[in-house]
């Protein structure tokens, strides 16, 4: 699979507010983008899962909040 890299400048204050590091924030952004693009009908569930770096089953699995 061929990939392209997209660079996004994120203010340090955002990382501090989220209490996270660059790698974790980048992963979360990929998942959020995949979910939103799937929700809007721009990506199939398979392509969205690929963007989120997870299996299609994992992507479509409902998230149950932890207690």
Protein backbone atom coordinates (compact mmCIF):
# COMPACT_ATOMS: atom_id res chain seq x y z
CA UNK A 1 0.00 0.00 0.00
CA UNK A 2 1.34 3.37 -0.99
CA UNK A 3 0.95 6.21 1.50
CA UNK A 4 1.49 9.94 1.58
CA UNK A 5 2.47 12.01 4.56
CA UNK A 6 0.51 15.10 5.56
CA UNK A 7 2.08 17.49 8.04
CA UNK A 8 -0.16 19.51 10.36
CA UNK A 9 1.14 22.22 12.66
CA UNK A 10 -0.43 21.89 16.09
CA UNK A 11 0.06 24.61 18.68
CA UNK A 12 1.88 23.34 21.75
CA UNK A 13 -0.95 24.75 23.88
CA UNK A 14 -3.32 22.25 22.27
CA UNK A 15 -1.08 19.33 23.24
CA UNK A 16 -0.76 20.72 26.75
CA UNK A 17 -4.53 21.20 27.03
CA UNK A 18 -5.08 17.63 25.88
CA UNK A 19 -2.31 16.39 28.21
CA UNK A 20 -0.87 14.27 25.42
CA UNK A 21 2.21 13.85 23.28
CA UNK A 22 2.59 14.25 19.52
CA UNK A 23 2.32 10.55 18.67
CA UNK A 24 -0.82 9.97 20.71
CA UNK A 25 -2.44 13.15 19.38
CA UNK A 26 -1.59 12.17 15.79
CA UNK A 27 -3.20 8.73 16.27
CA UNK A 28 -6.32 10.31 17.77
CA UNK A 29 -6.55 12.77 14.86
CA UNK A 30 -6.38 9.92 12.35
CA UNK A 31 -9.18 8.08 14.12
CA UNK A 32 -11.33 11.19 14.46
CA UNK A 33 -10.81 12.07 10.79
CA UNK A 34 -11.69 8.53 9.74
CA UNK A 35 -14.87 8.52 11.83
CA UNK A 36 -16.01 11.91 10.52
CA UNK A 37 -15.24 11.08 6.87
CA UNK A 38 -17.14 7.79 7.26
CA UNK A 39 -20.04 9.62 8.96
CA UNK A 40 -20.22 12.12 6.08
CA UNK A 41 -20.19 9.29 3.53
CA UNK A 42 -16.85 10.37 2.07
CA UNK A 43 -15.12 7.08 2.93
CA UNK A 44 -16.34 3.50 3.06
CA UNK A 45 -15.97 1.68 6.37
CA UNK A 46 -13.02 -0.23 4.94
CA UNK A 47 -11.15 2.89 3.80
CA UNK A 48 -11.97 4.68 7.06
CA UNK A 49 -10.63 1.72 9.02
CA UNK A 50 -7.49 1.80 6.90
CA UNK A 51 -7.04 5.52 7.66
CA UNK A 52 -7.54 4.79 11.37
CA UNK A 53 -4.98 1.93 11.20
CA UNK A 54 -7.39 -0.70 12.43
CA UNK A 55 -9.44 -3.58 11.09
CA UNK A 56 -12.87 -2.89 9.64
CA UNK A 57 -14.50 -4.94 12.42
CA UNK A 58 -12.64 -2.95 15.08
CA UNK A 59 -13.59 0.33 13.39
CA UNK A 60 -17.28 -0.56 13.27
CA UNK A 61 -17.40 -2.00 16.80
CA UNK A 62 -19.40 0.24 19.14
CA UNK A 63 -17.39 1.98 21.81
CA UNK A 64 -18.65 1.11 25.28
CA UNK A 65 -17.60 3.64 27.93
CA UNK A 66 -15.47 2.27 30.74
CA UNK A 67 -16.94 2.33 34.22
